[in-house]
Amino acid sequence: MELEIIPKQDNIPAFDKKAIKLKHIGYYPDYDGSYEEDEITEELVSHILKQIPEGINVIFSLIPYGEEDTFEIICDGVWLAIGYSSYNDGEEQVYYSYNPAYAGTDELSPLESGGQSPVEKYLAINDIGAGVKAAEYFIRTGKLYPGIIWAKQL
């Protein structure tokens, strides 16, 4: 996979810490929780953010029913991977969290995207706190968190 690396930024733009841009949240692989816009409350957001370090598989979407503009978070408490897929002018753009310590290797993390596809270590980070910040930033702004390194699939 060919990637363009987007460096981490030191300055994080201010954002409304109570805004919620999401239209859909879905847990997987069991889908034991699925929420649409009117069900996505501050209490639910807070609960999900607290769950991330303990281990979670969840998809956020900016579109109702979660069919496009998906932000996937997978965490086992040690490794955390984020994948974001959006469509711009009919063309898919895909971004991943990026771990430069594993650049150039094919080593796999213990994480599985969608409950089945292995995630390479270079696409998973060990800074769970930064992953939680990335999740909250996306929830609040609908944008990628500039405080981690991203890899854009070319």
C-alpha atoms as a PDB file:
ATOM      1  CA  MET A   1       0.000   0.000   0.000  1.00  0.00           C
ATOM      2  CA  GLU A   2       1.375   3.370  -1.000  1.00  0.00           C
ATOM      3  CA  LEU A   3       1.002   6.079   1.659  1.00  0.00           C
ATOM      4  CA  GLU A   4       1.475   9.809   2.040  1.00  0.00           C
ATOM      5  CA  ILE A   5       2.575  10.590   5.599  1.00  0.00           C
ATOM      6  CA  ILE A   6       0.900  13.597   7.223  1.00  0.00           C
ATOM      7  CA  PRO A   7       3.042  14.816  10.130  1.00  0.00           C
ATOM      8  CA  LYS A   8       1.760  15.500  13.610  1.00  0.00           C
ATOM      9  CA  GLN A   9       1.095  19.162  14.392  1.00  0.00           C
ATOM     10  CA  ASP A  10       1.968  20.748  17.710  1.00  0.00           C
ATOM     11  CA  ASN A  11      -0.811  23.336  17.621  1.00  0.00           C
ATOM     12  CA  ILE A  12      -4.273  21.830  18.016  1.00  0.00           C
ATOM     13  CA  PRO A  13      -7.054  24.201  16.954  1.00  0.00           C
ATOM     14  CA  ALA A  14      -9.558  25.038  19.680  1.00  0.00           C
ATOM     15  CA  PHE A  15     -12.904  23.279  19.380  1.00  0.00           C
ATOM     16  CA  ASP A  16     -16.247  23.142  21.165  1.00  0.00           C
ATOM     17  CA  LYS A  17     -15.855  20.389  23.769  1.00  0.00           C
ATOM     18  CA  LYS A  18     -19.625  19.849  23.872  1.00  0.00           C
ATOM     19  CA  ALA A  19     -20.313  19.731  20.114  1.00  0.00           C
ATOM     20  CA  ILE A  20     -21.327  16.391  18.598  1.00  0.00           C
ATOM     21  CA  LYS A  21     -20.947  16.075  14.814  1.00  0.00           C
ATOM     22  CA  LEU A  22     -21.733  12.341  14.616  1.00  0.00           C
ATOM     23  CA  LYS A  23     -24.876  11.007  12.935  1.00  0.00           C
ATOM     24  CA  HIS A  24     -24.204   7.318  13.683  1.00  0.00           C
ATOM     25  CA  ILE A  25     -22.250   5.145  16.139  1.00  0.00           C
ATOM     26  CA  GLY A  26     -21.992   1.384  15.728  1.00  0.00           C
ATOM     27  CA  TYR A  27     -20.158  -1.133  17.897  1.00  0.00           C
ATOM     28  CA  TYR A  28     -18.890  -4.297  16.196  1.00  0.00           C
ATOM     29  CA  PRO A  29     -18.390  -7.129  15.441  1.00  0.00           C
ATOM     30  CA  ASP A  30     -21.528  -7.942  17.435  1.00  0.00           C
ATOM     31  CA  TYR A  31     -23.203  -4.613  16.763  1.00  0.00           C
ATOM     32  CA  ASP A  32     -24.396  -4.780  20.366  1.00  0.00           C
ATOM     33  CA  GLY A  33     -24.895  -1.045  20.236  1.00  0.00           C
ATOM     34  CA  SER A  34     -25.999   1.142  17.377  1.00  0.00           C
ATOM     35  CA  TYR A  35     -27.022   4.755  17.791  1.00  0.00           C
ATOM     36  CA  GLU A  36     -28.431   7.337  15.416  1.00  0.00           C
ATOM     37  CA  GLU A  37     -28.165  11.119  15.688  1.00  0.00           C
ATOM     38  CA  ASP A  38     -31.010  11.732  18.157  1.00  0.00           C
ATOM     39  CA  GLU A  39     -29.640   8.994  20.470  1.00  0.00           C
ATOM     40  CA  ILE A  40     -26.064  10.333  20.540  1.00  0.00           C
ATOM     41  CA  THR A  41     -25.826  12.240  23.792  1.00  0.00           C
ATOM     42  CA  GLU A  42     -22.996  13.746  25.782  1.00  0.00           C
ATOM     43  CA  GLU A  43     -23.386  10.853  28.247  1.00  0.00           C
ATOM     44  CA  LEU A  44     -22.930   8.296  25.450  1.00  0.00           C
ATOM     45  CA  VAL A  45     -19.896  10.147  24.075  1.00  0.00           C
ATOM     46  CA  SER A  46     -18.333  10.281  27.538  1.00  0.00           C
ATOM     47  CA  HIS A  47     -19.007   6.551  28.037  1.00  0.00           C
ATOM     48  CA  ILE A  48     -17.372   5.641  24.709  1.00  0.00           C
ATOM     49  CA  LEU A  49     -14.313   7.813  25.367  1.00  0.00           C
ATOM     50  CA  LYS A  50     -13.847   6.055  28.717  1.00  0.00           C
ATOM     51  CA  GLN A  51     -14.202   2.630  27.038  1.00  0.00           C
ATOM     52  CA  ILE A  52     -11.460   3.204  24.459  1.00  0.00           C
ATOM     53  CA  PRO A  53      -8.461   2.504  26.760  1.00  0.00           C
ATOM     54  CA  GLU A  54     -10.154  -0.665  28.036  1.00  0.00           C
ATOM     55  CA  GLY A  55     -10.674  -2.028  24.525  1.00  0.00           C
ATOM     56  CA  ILE A  56     -13.266  -1.148  21.928  1.00  0.00           C
ATOM     57  CA  ASN A  57     -14.324  -1.739  18.324  1.00  0.00           C
ATOM     58  CA  VAL A  58     -16.531   1.114  17.183  1.00  0.00           C
ATOM     59  CA  ILE A  59     -17.377   3.059  14.050  1.00  0.00           C
ATOM     60  CA  PHE A  60     -18.426   6.698  13.994  1.00  0.00           C
ATOM     61  CA  SER A  61     -20.048   8.267  10.958  1.00  0.00           C
ATOM     62  CA  LEU A  62     -20.938  11.768   9.861  1.00  0.00           C
ATOM     63  CA  ILE A  63     -23.742  10.259   7.741  1.00  0.00           C
ATOM     64  CA  PRO A  64     -26.975   8.727   9.130  1.00  0.00           C
ATOM     65  CA  TYR A  65     -26.911   4.908   9.315  1.00  0.00           C
ATOM     66  CA  GLY A  66     -23.100   4.879   9.058  1.00  0.00           C
ATOM     67  CA  GLU A  67     -22.750   3.950   5.403  1.00  0.00           C
ATOM     68  CA  GLU A  68     -20.164   6.612   4.465  1.00  0.00           C
ATOM     69  CA  ASP A  69     -17.659   8.921   6.133  1.00  0.00           C
ATOM     70  CA  THR A  70     -16.668   6.282   8.677  1.00  0.00           C
ATOM     71  CA  PHE A  71     -14.104   6.654  11.445  1.00  0.00           C
ATOM     72  CA  GLU A  72     -13.177   3.254  12.876  1.00  0.00           C
ATOM     73  CA  ILE A  73     -11.453   2.873  16.244  1.00  0.00           C
ATOM     74  CA  ILE A  74     -10.037  -0.458  17.348  1.00  0.00           C
ATOM     75  CA  CYS A  75      -8.253  -0.733  20.676  1.00  0.00           C
ATOM     76  CA  ASP A  76      -7.198  -3.633  22.883  1.00  0.00           C
ATOM     77  CA  GLY A  77      -5.753  -1.494  25.674  1.00  0.00           C
ATOM     78  CA  VAL A  78      -2.186  -1.718  24.287  1.00  0.00           C
ATOM     79  CA  TRP A  79      -2.619  -1.056  20.574  1.00  0.00           C
ATOM     80  CA  LEU A  80      -5.007   1.419  18.952  1.00  0.00           C
ATOM     81  CA  ALA A  81      -5.768   1.774  15.251  1.00  0.00           C
ATOM     82  CA  ILE A  82      -7.868   4.401  13.518  1.00  0.00           C
ATOM     83  CA  GLY A  83      -9.119   4.259   9.963  1.00  0.00           C
ATOM     84  CA  TYR A  84     -11.105   7.044   8.319  1.00  0.00           C
ATOM     85  CA  SER A  85     -12.808   6.731   4.957  1.00  0.00           C
ATOM     86  CA  SER A  86     -14.611   9.604   3.250  1.00  0.00           C
ATOM     87  CA  TYR A  87     -15.834  10.485  -0.198  1.00  0.00           C
ATOM     88  CA  ASN A  88     -14.888  13.779  -1.800  1.00  0.00           C
ATOM     89  CA  ASP A  89     -16.310  14.500  -5.254  1.00  0.00           C
ATOM     90  CA  GLY A  90     -17.117  10.801  -5.635  1.00  0.00           C
ATOM     91  CA  GLU A  91     -13.566   9.670  -4.864  1.00  0.00           C
ATOM     92  CA  GLU A  92     -12.751   7.736  -1.715  1.00  0.00           C
ATOM     93  CA  GLN A  93     -10.042   9.090   0.569  1.00  0.00           C
ATOM     94  CA  VAL A  94      -8.666   6.789   3.267  1.00  0.00           C
ATOM     95  CA  TYR A  95      -6.537   7.780   6.257  1.00  0.00           C
ATOM     96  CA  TYR A  96      -4.949   5.653   8.977  1.00  0.00           C
ATOM     97  CA  SER A  97      -3.210   6.326  12.254  1.00  0.00           C
ATOM     98  CA  TYR A  98       0.507   5.850  11.607  1.00  0.00           C
ATOM     99  CA  ASN A  99       3.328   4.436  13.729  1.00  0.00           C
ATOM    100  CA  PRO A 100       6.743   5.336  12.256  1.00  0.00           C
ATOM    101  CA  ALA A 101       8.488   2.872  14.612  1.00  0.00           C
ATOM    102  CA  TYR A 102       7.166   0.055  12.395  1.00  0.00           C
ATOM    103  CA  ALA A 103       7.562   1.735   8.993  1.00  0.00           C
ATOM    104  CA  GLY A 104       8.785  -0.704   6.366  1.00  0.00           C
ATOM    105  CA  THR A 105       7.699  -3.818   8.269  1.00  0.00           C
ATOM    106  CA  ASP A 106       4.785  -6.142   7.712  1.00  0.00           C
ATOM    107  CA  GLU A 107       4.474  -7.105  11.384  1.00  0.00           C
ATOM    108  CA  LEU A 108       0.863  -7.450  12.474  1.00  0.00           C
ATOM    109  CA  SER A 109      -0.669  -5.974  15.587  1.00  0.00           C
ATOM    110  CA  PRO A 110      -3.184  -8.063  17.540  1.00  0.00           C
ATOM    111  CA  LEU A 111      -5.990  -5.819  16.200  1.00  0.00           C
ATOM    112  CA  GLU A 112      -8.481  -6.766  13.486  1.00  0.00           C
ATOM    113  CA  SER A 113     -10.412  -4.246  11.415  1.00  0.00           C
ATOM    114  CA  GLY A 114     -14.043  -5.125  11.008  1.00  0.00           C
ATOM    115  CA  GLY A 115     -13.437  -8.053  13.336  1.00  0.00           C
ATOM    116  CA  GLN A 116     -11.492  -9.951  10.684  1.00  0.00           C
ATOM    117  CA  SER A 117      -8.795  -8.037   8.768  1.00  0.00           C
ATOM    118  CA  PRO A 118      -5.421  -7.905  10.567  1.00  0.00           C
ATOM    119  CA  VAL A 119      -3.964  -4.437  11.168  1.00  0.00           C
ATOM    120  CA  GLU A 120      -0.251  -3.894  10.529  1.00  0.00           C
ATOM    121  CA  LYS A 121       1.741  -2.373  13.382  1.00  0.00           C
ATOM    122  CA  TYR A 122       2.699   0.624  11.239  1.00  0.00           C
ATOM    123  CA  LEU A 123      -1.019   1.528  11.159  1.00  0.00           C
ATOM    124  CA  ALA A 124      -1.523   1.125  14.929  1.00  0.00           C
ATOM    125  CA  ILE A 125      -0.239   3.318  17.729  1.00  0.00           C
ATOM    126  CA  ASN A 126       0.639   2.598  21.353  1.00  0.00           C
ATOM    127  CA  ASP A 127      -0.228   6.054  22.685  1.00  0.00           C
ATOM    128  CA  ILE A 128      -3.782   5.259  23.778  1.00  0.00           C
ATOM    129  CA  GLY A 129      -4.231   8.744  25.245  1.00  0.00           C
ATOM    130  CA  ALA A 130      -3.538  10.315  21.845  1.00  0.00           C
ATOM    131  CA  GLY A 131      -6.030   7.883  20.313  1.00  0.00           C
ATOM    132  CA  VAL A 132      -8.707   8.981  22.780  1.00  0.00           C
ATOM    133  CA  LYS A 133      -7.958  12.619  21.886  1.00  0.00           C
ATOM    134  CA  ALA A 134      -8.246  11.741  18.177  1.00  0.00           C
ATOM    135  CA  ALA A 135     -11.627  10.109  18.791  1.00  0.00           C
ATOM    136  CA  GLU A 136     -12.940  13.064  20.772  1.00  0.00           C
ATOM    137  CA  TYR A 137     -11.657  15.556  18.193  1.00  0.00           C
ATOM    138  CA  PHE A 138     -13.476  13.664  15.426  1.00  0.00           C
ATOM    139  CA  ILE A 139     -16.677  13.445  17.492  1.00  0.00           C
ATOM    140  CA  ARG A 140     -16.586  17.187  18.180  1.00  0.00           C
ATOM    141  CA  THR A 141     -15.321  18.518  14.829  1.00  0.00           C
ATOM    142  CA  GLY A 142     -15.849  15.809  12.192  1.00  0.00           C
ATOM    143  CA  LYS A 143     -12.160  16.214  11.294  1.00  0.00           C
ATOM    144  CA  LEU A 144      -8.937  14.282  11.798  1.00  0.00           C
ATOM    145  CA  TYR A 145      -6.989  15.114  14.939  1.00  0.00           C
ATOM    146  CA  PRO A 146      -3.762  16.933  13.997  1.00  0.00           C
ATOM    147  CA  GLY A 147      -1.969  15.730  17.161  1.00  0.00           C
ATOM    148  CA  ILE A 148      -1.023  12.321  15.713  1.00  0.00           C
ATOM    149  CA  ILE A 149       0.722  11.195  12.537  1.00  0.00           C
ATOM    150  CA  TRP A 150      -1.651  10.118   9.754  1.00  0.00           C
ATOM    151  CA  ALA A 151      -1.064   8.063   6.621  1.00  0.00           C
ATOM    152  CA  LYS A 152      -3.205   8.822   3.573  1.00  0.00           C
ATOM    153  CA  GLN A 153      -3.658   5.902   1.208  1.00  0.00           C
ATOM    154  CA  LEU A 154      -2.669   6.861  -2.352  1.00  0.00           C
END
